[in-house]
Amino acid sequence: MNIRHFLIALVFIATSKTNAEFFSSIEAMQYLQETRTAIINDLEVYIKKEEQKLSIIKRLKDLFQKENNEALENVHYYLENPINAFILIKRLTIDLDYLRTVTLTAAENTKILTTNHENLHYPSLKDFTGAAQALFRLQGVYNLNVTELSQGKLIDIYTKPMTAGDCYVLGRVLYKESDYTNARTWMIEAFRKYIRDNIPYPFDETDIFEDIVTCSLLGNRTEAKQWIQSIFGQGERDIQAMHIIVTELYNVHAKSLKLKHKKKNDFSKMYDHKYRLSDLPFMGQAKMKYEALCRGEIDVSHKISSRLRCRYLTENHPFLKIAPLKMETLYLKPDVALFHGVLSDREINIIKQLAQQNLTRARVRGKNNEFSASNIRVSKSAWLKDDESESVARVTRRVSHMTGLNMNYAEPLQVANYGIGGHYDPHYDTVMAPNCTKKCLNRIATVLFYMSDVVKGGATVFLELGLNVLPVKGAAIVWYNMHRSGEGDIATLHAACPVLHGTKWVCNKWIRYNGQQSAKPCRPEDHNERKFRDIPQPMLKRSIKSPRKIRYST
């Protein structure tokens, strides 16, 4: 409502109250003086409210501008930080909606914010939820401290601190997911920042306080009372008021808490089933081992590491006699090797350019063999065939040299780019069903090329081997998913750790079992291969070792 509409409304209200004739009597005119005084008071209230709105808009604009200026210094590096990426998405979803609400009464000006520009991209609430979940994932896997995160600290990397609004929204997301313990932690950070922030919010201290107490009630009611007592004091009246507040909040939220508990139990069952990618639930000890590997706290056993070597690979193809490949053995039985310098920068750039046109959300196979997007795998991928580019065909030939396998039954090159906290939970690259023969079209081998260095995180880890492989631009890791007998090797359970900071680009070539009879013939003794239980157990490292120097020998 603009000032013109406001005045018309006032006149209409004033004239609609009486049909009296004022000009013909001075006595009657005295009533109009009271009306004028009332209108002046209403105008003062109106102007004050409009000034408050403008103040809110100006402060939010200043916040947007400050963050935008920091990003423009180096956009790519700025967005590689998951905190910055989350804040950007939040500003363009939650905060933008708040701006629209603030300006709702100014009909003409509101169009500036509510009309989407055709040539621009706007994130959705799904993007916001995904960005929030990415921060929670990083927090859990890398043991990040909430207070340090809210201050913009990622281990030893610093960025702009979060606002009270950022922390509060994260707490609300966790609250809706029934993760009350972590929700309470983020709420407390929001409570601490609220008074210091000179930023308008669609909530106040009371809203944060009630959410903190509600989350605390789920864990320990005494803890909730102690938290309230620290705010209100120690007096007798304060304690009585505290009991009333706790009881009232508990009664108000009792029904919703029961519903949330029910949903949480249902979610736990779904979560357990969702991660049974190979009839092995990704829960408990497996999850702890996965996270420890991502942090670099586990290493392969000394029995294996003492036998590892680096050498030049000259067999498999005559071309390797004049251009051998640098091969570092990472594990033995199952064989895992890292080939260095097998992708050039030019090839990487060409593959990226080809893939960027067709990147779509990566999917995983579900219960009914149907593919769908899932939080199990957070990345975008594209498929490239050999006839699309000579560079792609050259990579396929190189894979043949590296593995000695027949490429006629290999899948197209899959290119993947990981987003905020992008990851792929523990899985197998081959079907682990019993009595699965070559008719299953299983993947006998995986060749994974790294097309970028990652500042922090993003390692490829093998849970049962205790193996952690950090991305090295231009290198490729190769492993066999199956025994020569055709059975899947359960020791190849692997995962892509969340990207903590940086950008992760990879491409991989999956080679099918079919057509490999001459390259990898099945021998009688292969049916008596060493079983899973015989694999030496990985060991916990007291400290993270620095990368060892590689020495090559012919």
Foldseek 3Di string as FASTA:
>chain_A
DDPVVVVVVLVVVVCVVDPDDQPVDPVSCVVVVVSVVVVVVVVVVVVVLVVVLVVQVVQLVVVVVVLVVVCVVPVQQQQLALLSVLVVLCCLEVVLVVNLVSCVVVPVVSCVSPPDDPPDDGDYVVVNLVSLVLVVQCCVLQVDDPLCVQCQDDPPDGDHHHALVVLQVSLVSCVLLVVLVVSLVSLVVSLVRVVVDPHDDPDDNVVSLLSNLLSVVVPPNVVSLVVQCVVQHDDPVSSVVSVVSSVVSCVVCVVVNVVSVVVNVVVVVVQQQFQCQAPDGCDDPNVVLQSCLLNQFWAFDPVWVVPWAWAWDQPLDPVCVVPTWTWTWRGVDQTKIKTAQQDDLVLLVVVCVVWVVPWDFAWDQDDVRDTDHDPLFAKTKDFDACVVDVSQVVVLVVVCSVQSFDSVLKGTKMKIKGRSQGKHHWHAQFHQDPPDALVRQTFQKKKKAWQDFAPGTFWKDQSFRRDTHGGDHNMIMMGTQAFLVRHGAPSRGIMTGTRNGGITMMMMMTGTPPPGCVVRNRDPCSVVDDHSVPRDGIDGHPDRDDDDDHDYDD
